[in-house]
Amino acid sequence: MLAEKNVDYDCVEVDQISGDEQKNAVEEVKRLTGRTSFPVIVINDKVIQGYKQEEIEEALSDEK
């Protein structure tokens, strides 16, 4: 969805990394959400857990 909307983003495939990099990514997700479920999308200061298209679109529109 982000690519279709021409939004620049960074994606971390946590299951494709290992070691300290994976540990740090999981800890960041825990810090942001209190949980370890994915995906987690951060747009500015808004944290969205799960694929919630309406929330993502709203956060993107608030960014402009």
PDB file of N, CA and C in Angstrom:
ATOM      1  N   MET A   1       0.819  -1.185   0.000  1.00  0.00           N
ATOM      2  CA  MET A   1       0.000   0.000   0.000  1.00  0.00           C
ATOM      3  C   MET A   1       0.868   1.255   0.000  1.00  0.00           C
ATOM      4  N   LEU A   2       1.908   1.278   0.813  1.00  0.00           N
ATOM      5  CA  LEU A   2       2.770   2.457   0.874  1.00  0.00           C
ATOM      6  C   LEU A   2       3.467   2.688  -0.463  1.00  0.00           C
ATOM      7  N   ALA A   3       3.935   1.625  -1.092  1.00  0.00           N
ATOM      8  CA  ALA A   3       4.587   1.755  -2.400  1.00  0.00           C
ATOM      9  C   ALA A   3       3.597   2.267  -3.438  1.00  0.00           C
ATOM     10  N   GLU A   4       2.365   1.756  -3.411  1.00  0.00           N
ATOM     11  CA  GLU A   4       1.337   2.211  -4.351  1.00  0.00           C
ATOM     12  C   GLU A   4       1.051   3.697  -4.194  1.00  0.00           C
ATOM     13  N   LYS A   5       1.187   4.207  -2.979  1.00  0.00           N
ATOM     14  CA  LYS A   5       0.928   5.619  -2.701  1.00  0.00           C
ATOM     15  C   LYS A   5       2.198   6.470  -2.819  1.00  0.00           C
ATOM     16  N   ASN A   6       3.272   5.841  -3.317  1.00  0.00           N
ATOM     17  CA  ASN A   6       4.563   6.526  -3.488  1.00  0.00           C
ATOM     18  C   ASN A   6       5.078   7.142  -2.190  1.00  0.00           C
ATOM     19  N   VAL A   7       4.916   6.406  -1.093  1.00  0.00           N
ATOM     20  CA  VAL A   7       5.395   6.846   0.210  1.00  0.00           C
ATOM     21  C   VAL A   7       6.759   6.203   0.453  1.00  0.00           C
ATOM     22  N   ASP A   8       7.757   7.008   0.790  1.00  0.00           N
ATOM     23  CA  ASP A   8       9.060   6.464   1.149  1.00  0.00           C
ATOM     24  C   ASP A   8       8.947   5.779   2.508  1.00  0.00           C
ATOM     25  N   TYR A   9       9.536   4.600   2.622  1.00  0.00           N
ATOM     26  CA  TYR A   9       9.474   3.891   3.893  1.00  0.00           C
ATOM     27  C   TYR A   9      10.656   2.947   4.017  1.00  0.00           C
ATOM     28  N   ASP A  10      10.964   2.589   5.236  1.00  0.00           N
ATOM     29  CA  ASP A  10      11.961   1.565   5.536  1.00  0.00           C
ATOM     30  C   ASP A  10      11.206   0.356   6.054  1.00  0.00           C
ATOM     31  N   CYS A  11      11.610  -0.804   5.602  1.00  0.00           N
ATOM     32  CA  CYS A  11      10.970  -2.045   6.037  1.00  0.00           C
ATOM     33  C   CYS A  11      12.027  -2.960   6.632  1.00  0.00           C
ATOM     34  N   VAL A  12      11.733  -3.495   7.816  1.00  0.00           N
ATOM     35  CA  VAL A  12      12.623  -4.458   8.454  1.00  0.00           C
ATOM     36  C   VAL A  12      11.855  -5.767   8.559  1.00  0.00           C
ATOM     37  N   GLU A  13      12.327  -6.770   7.865  1.00  0.00           N
ATOM     38  CA  GLU A  13      11.732  -8.109   7.938  1.00  0.00           C
ATOM     39  C   GLU A  13      12.395  -8.824   9.116  1.00  0.00           C
ATOM     40  N   VAL A  14      11.788  -8.730  10.275  1.00  0.00           N
ATOM     41  CA  VAL A  14      12.408  -9.210  11.507  1.00  0.00           C
ATOM     42  C   VAL A  14      12.729 -10.698  11.431  1.00  0.00           C
ATOM     43  N   ASP A  15      11.915 -11.466  10.729  1.00  0.00           N
ATOM     44  CA  ASP A  15      12.192 -12.895  10.635  1.00  0.00           C
ATOM     45  C   ASP A  15      13.321 -13.203   9.651  1.00  0.00           C
ATOM     46  N   GLN A  16      13.803 -12.196   8.922  1.00  0.00           N
ATOM     47  CA  GLN A  16      14.881 -12.396   7.964  1.00  0.00           C
ATOM     48  C   GLN A  16      16.237 -11.919   8.490  1.00  0.00           C
ATOM     49  N   ILE A  17      16.257 -11.365   9.691  1.00  0.00           N
ATOM     50  CA  ILE A  17      17.506 -10.924  10.297  1.00  0.00           C
ATOM     51  C   ILE A  17      17.792 -11.801  11.502  1.00  0.00           C
ATOM     52  N   SER A  18      18.986 -11.669  12.063  1.00  0.00           N
ATOM     53  CA  SER A  18      19.317 -12.535  13.204  1.00  0.00           C
ATOM     54  C   SER A  18      20.243 -11.811  14.167  1.00  0.00           C
ATOM     55  N   GLY A  19      20.539 -12.487  15.242  1.00  0.00           N
ATOM     56  CA  GLY A  19      21.477 -11.975  16.221  1.00  0.00           C
ATOM     57  C   GLY A  19      21.017 -10.696  16.879  1.00  0.00           C
ATOM     58  N   ASP A  20      21.991  -9.811  17.153  1.00  0.00           N
ATOM     59  CA  ASP A  20      21.691  -8.560  17.837  1.00  0.00           C
ATOM     60  C   ASP A  20      20.737  -7.681  17.042  1.00  0.00           C
ATOM     61  N   GLU A  21      20.849  -7.731  15.714  1.00  0.00           N
ATOM     62  CA  GLU A  21      19.961  -6.913  14.885  1.00  0.00           C
ATOM     63  C   GLU A  21      18.504  -7.320  15.104  1.00  0.00           C
ATOM     64  N   GLN A  22      18.236  -8.614  15.134  1.00  0.00           N
ATOM     65  CA  GLN A  22      16.872  -9.093  15.375  1.00  0.00           C
ATOM     66  C   GLN A  22      16.429  -8.759  16.797  1.00  0.00           C
ATOM     67  N   LYS A  23      17.323  -8.993  17.763  1.00  0.00           N
ATOM     68  CA  LYS A  23      16.997  -8.698  19.161  1.00  0.00           C
ATOM     69  C   LYS A  23      16.640  -7.220  19.320  1.00  0.00           C
ATOM     70  N   ASN A  24      17.410  -6.338  18.719  1.00  0.00           N
ATOM     71  CA  ASN A  24      17.147  -4.899  18.810  1.00  0.00           C
ATOM     72  C   ASN A  24      15.831  -4.524  18.143  1.00  0.00           C
ATOM     73  N   ALA A  25      15.517  -5.145  17.014  1.00  0.00           N
ATOM     74  CA  ALA A  25      14.260  -4.858  16.320  1.00  0.00           C
ATOM     75  C   ALA A  25      13.068  -5.290  17.174  1.00  0.00           C
ATOM     76  N   VAL A  26      13.153  -6.466  17.776  1.00  0.00           N
ATOM     77  CA  VAL A  26      12.066  -6.959  18.626  1.00  0.00           C
ATOM     78  C   VAL A  26      11.902  -6.062  19.852  1.00  0.00           C
ATOM     79  N   GLU A  27      13.006  -5.648  20.447  1.00  0.00           N
ATOM     80  CA  GLU A  27      12.933  -4.753  21.600  1.00  0.00           C
ATOM     81  C   GLU A  27      12.297  -3.410  21.222  1.00  0.00           C
ATOM     82  N   GLU A  28      12.588  -2.908  20.044  1.00  0.00           N
ATOM     83  CA  GLU A  28      11.983  -1.650  19.581  1.00  0.00           C
ATOM     84  C   GLU A  28      10.476  -1.810  19.405  1.00  0.00           C
ATOM     85  N   VAL A  29      10.043  -2.932  18.860  1.00  0.00           N
ATOM     86  CA  VAL A  29       8.612  -3.194  18.716  1.00  0.00           C
ATOM     87  C   VAL A  29       7.954  -3.271  20.088  1.00  0.00           C
ATOM     88  N   LYS A  30       8.589  -3.948  21.033  1.00  0.00           N
ATOM     89  CA  LYS A  30       8.054  -4.027  22.400  1.00  0.00           C
ATOM     90  C   LYS A  30       7.949  -2.642  23.023  1.00  0.00           C
ATOM     91  N   ARG A  31       8.976  -1.829  22.813  1.00  0.00           N
ATOM     92  CA  ARG A  31       8.978  -0.477  23.372  1.00  0.00           C
ATOM     93  C   ARG A  31       7.835   0.359  22.778  1.00  0.00           C
ATOM     94  N   LEU A  32       7.610   0.209  21.483  1.00  0.00           N
ATOM     95  CA  LEU A  32       6.574   0.996  20.812  1.00  0.00           C
ATOM     96  C   LEU A  32       5.160   0.528  21.134  1.00  0.00           C
ATOM     97  N   THR A  33       4.986  -0.788  21.279  1.00  0.00           N
ATOM     98  CA  THR A  33       3.634  -1.335  21.365  1.00  0.00           C
ATOM     99  C   THR A  33       3.329  -2.103  22.645  1.00  0.00           C
ATOM    100  N   GLY A  34       4.378  -2.501  23.356  1.00  0.00           N
ATOM    101  CA  GLY A  34       4.164  -3.344  24.531  1.00  0.00           C
ATOM    102  C   GLY A  34       3.958  -4.806  24.175  1.00  0.00           C
ATOM    103  N   ARG A  35       4.038  -5.127  22.909  1.00  0.00           N
ATOM    104  CA  ARG A  35       3.820  -6.498  22.425  1.00  0.00           C
ATOM    105  C   ARG A  35       4.876  -6.847  21.390  1.00  0.00           C
ATOM    106  N   THR A  36       4.828  -8.067  20.912  1.00  0.00           N
ATOM    107  CA  THR A  36       5.742  -8.481  19.842  1.00  0.00           C
ATOM    108  C   THR A  36       4.981  -9.063  18.661  1.00  0.00           C
ATOM    109  N   SER A  37       3.939  -8.386  18.244  1.00  0.00           N
ATOM    110  CA  SER A  37       3.230  -8.830  17.051  1.00  0.00           C
ATOM    111  C   SER A  37       3.505  -7.850  15.917  1.00  0.00           C
ATOM    112  N   PHE A  38       3.383  -8.349  14.725  1.00  0.00           N
ATOM    113  CA  PHE A  38       3.755  -7.598  13.537  1.00  0.00           C
ATOM    114  C   PHE A  38       2.608  -7.594  12.541  1.00  0.00           C
ATOM    115  N   PRO A  39       2.543  -6.655  11.630  1.00  0.00           N
ATOM    116  CA  PRO A  39       3.473  -5.555  11.387  1.00  0.00           C
ATOM    117  C   PRO A  39       3.231  -4.392  12.343  1.00  0.00           C
ATOM    118  N   VAL A  40       4.239  -3.553  12.445  1.00  0.00           N
ATOM    119  CA  VAL A  40       4.143  -2.299  13.185  1.00  0.00           C
ATOM    120  C   VAL A  40       4.552  -1.202  12.221  1.00  0.00           C
ATOM    121  N   ILE A  41       3.700  -0.204  12.095  1.00  0.00           N
ATOM    122  CA  ILE A  41       3.967   0.915  11.199  1.00  0.00           C
ATOM    123  C   ILE A  41       4.026   2.177  12.048  1.00  0.00           C
ATOM    124  N   VAL A  42       5.067   2.958  11.838  1.00  0.00           N
ATOM    125  CA  VAL A  42       5.214   4.216  12.560  1.00  0.00           C
ATOM    126  C   VAL A  42       5.215   5.342  11.528  1.00  0.00           C
ATOM    127  N   ILE A  43       4.244   6.230  11.651  1.00  0.00           N
ATOM    128  CA  ILE A  43       4.149   7.397  10.781  1.00  0.00           C
ATOM    129  C   ILE A  43       4.187   8.609  11.687  1.00  0.00           C
ATOM    130  N   ASN A  44       5.286   9.348  11.576  1.00  0.00           N
ATOM    131  CA  ASN A  44       5.575  10.422  12.536  1.00  0.00           C
ATOM    132  C   ASN A  44       5.552   9.811  13.926  1.00  0.00           C
ATOM    133  N   ASP A  45       4.723  10.258  14.821  1.00  0.00           N
ATOM    134  CA  ASP A  45       4.681   9.695  16.173  1.00  0.00           C
ATOM    135  C   ASP A  45       3.550   8.691  16.353  1.00  0.00           C
ATOM    136  N   LYS A  46       2.789   8.421  15.302  1.00  0.00           N
ATOM    137  CA  LYS A  46       1.655   7.499  15.398  1.00  0.00           C
ATOM    138  C   LYS A  46       2.127   6.066  15.138  1.00  0.00           C
ATOM    139  N   VAL A  47       1.860   5.191  16.101  1.00  0.00           N
ATOM    140  CA  VAL A  47       2.227   3.781  15.995  1.00  0.00           C
ATOM    141  C   VAL A  47       0.965   2.993  15.672  1.00  0.00           C
ATOM    142  N   ILE A  48       1.023   2.225  14.592  1.00  0.00           N
ATOM    143  CA  ILE A  48      -0.116   1.414  14.165  1.00  0.00           C
ATOM    144  C   ILE A  48       0.324  -0.039  14.191  1.00  0.00           C
ATOM    145  N   GLN A  49      -0.361  -0.836  14.986  1.00  0.00           N
ATOM    146  CA  GLN A  49      -0.032  -2.250  15.078  1.00  0.00           C
ATOM    147  C   GLN A  49      -1.027  -3.031  14.239  1.00  0.00           C
ATOM    148  N   GLY A  50      -0.498  -3.817  13.312  1.00  0.00           N
ATOM    149  CA  GLY A  50      -1.331  -4.571  12.393  1.00  0.00           C
ATOM    150  C   GLY A  50      -1.586  -3.764  11.135  1.00  0.00           C
ATOM    151  N   TYR A  51      -2.135  -4.422  10.141  1.00  0.00           N
ATOM    152  CA  TYR A  51      -2.442  -3.739   8.893  1.00  0.00           C
ATOM    153  C   TYR A  51      -3.852  -3.156   9.004  1.00  0.00           C
ATOM    154  N   LYS A  52      -3.901  -1.870   9.289  1.00  0.00           N
ATOM    155  CA  LYS A  52      -5.172  -1.165   9.459  1.00  0.00           C
ATOM    156  C   LYS A  52      -5.191  -0.026   8.451  1.00  0.00           C
ATOM    157  N   GLN A  53      -5.709  -0.331   7.268  1.00  0.00           N
ATOM    158  CA  GLN A  53      -5.631   0.580   6.146  1.00  0.00           C
ATOM    159  C   GLN A  53      -6.189   1.967   6.460  1.00  0.00           C
ATOM    160  N   GLU A  54      -7.333   2.035   7.113  1.00  0.00           N
ATOM    161  CA  GLU A  54      -7.922   3.337   7.443  1.00  0.00           C
ATOM    162  C   GLU A  54      -7.005   4.163   8.329  1.00  0.00           C
ATOM    163  N   GLU A  55      -6.444   3.536   9.352  1.00  0.00           N
ATOM    164  CA  GLU A  55      -5.544   4.253  10.266  1.00  0.00           C
ATOM    165  C   GLU A  55      -4.280   4.716   9.537  1.00  0.00           C
ATOM    166  N   ILE A  56      -3.772   3.871   8.665  1.00  0.00           N
ATOM    167  CA  ILE A  56      -2.569   4.228   7.902  1.00  0.00           C
ATOM    168  C   ILE A  56      -2.868   5.419   7.005  1.00  0.00           C
ATOM    169  N   GLU A  57      -3.979   5.360   6.276  1.00  0.00           N
ATOM    170  CA  GLU A  57      -4.343   6.459   5.384  1.00  0.00           C
ATOM    171  C   GLU A  57      -4.577   7.749   6.157  1.00  0.00           C
ATOM    172  N   GLU A  58      -5.201   7.647   7.322  1.00  0.00           N
ATOM    173  CA  GLU A  58      -5.437   8.833   8.156  1.00  0.00           C
ATOM    174  C   GLU A  58      -4.098   9.427   8.619  1.00  0.00           C
ATOM    175  N   ALA A  59      -3.187   8.574   9.065  1.00  0.00           N
ATOM    176  CA  ALA A  59      -1.885   9.049   9.517  1.00  0.00           C
ATOM    177  C   ALA A  59      -1.123   9.709   8.372  1.00  0.00           C
ATOM    178  N   LEU A  60      -1.228   9.133   7.183  1.00  0.00           N
ATOM    179  CA  LEU A  60      -0.563   9.714   6.020  1.00  0.00           C
ATOM    180  C   LEU A  60      -1.163  11.065   5.660  1.00  0.00           C
ATOM    181  N   SER A  61      -2.480  11.187   5.759  1.00  0.00           N
ATOM    182  CA  SER A  61      -3.124  12.457   5.420  1.00  0.00           C
ATOM    183  C   SER A  61      -2.810  13.522   6.462  1.00  0.00           C
ATOM    184  N   ASP A  62      -2.627  13.124   7.716  1.00  0.00           N
ATOM    185  CA  ASP A  62      -2.258  14.065   8.776  1.00  0.00           C
ATOM    186  C   ASP A  62      -0.842  14.586   8.574  1.00  0.00           C
ATOM    187  N   GLU A  63      -0.018  13.802   7.870  1.00  0.00           N
ATOM    188  CA  GLU A  63       1.380  14.146   7.653  1.00  0.00           C
ATOM    189  C   GLU A  63       1.536  15.318   6.693  1.00  0.00           C
ATOM    190  N   LYS A  64       0.599  15.475   5.785  1.00  0.00           N
ATOM    191  CA  LYS A  64       0.712  16.491   4.738  1.00  0.00           C
ATOM    192  C   LYS A  64       0.411  17.882   5.213  1.00  0.00           C
TER     193      LYS A  64
END
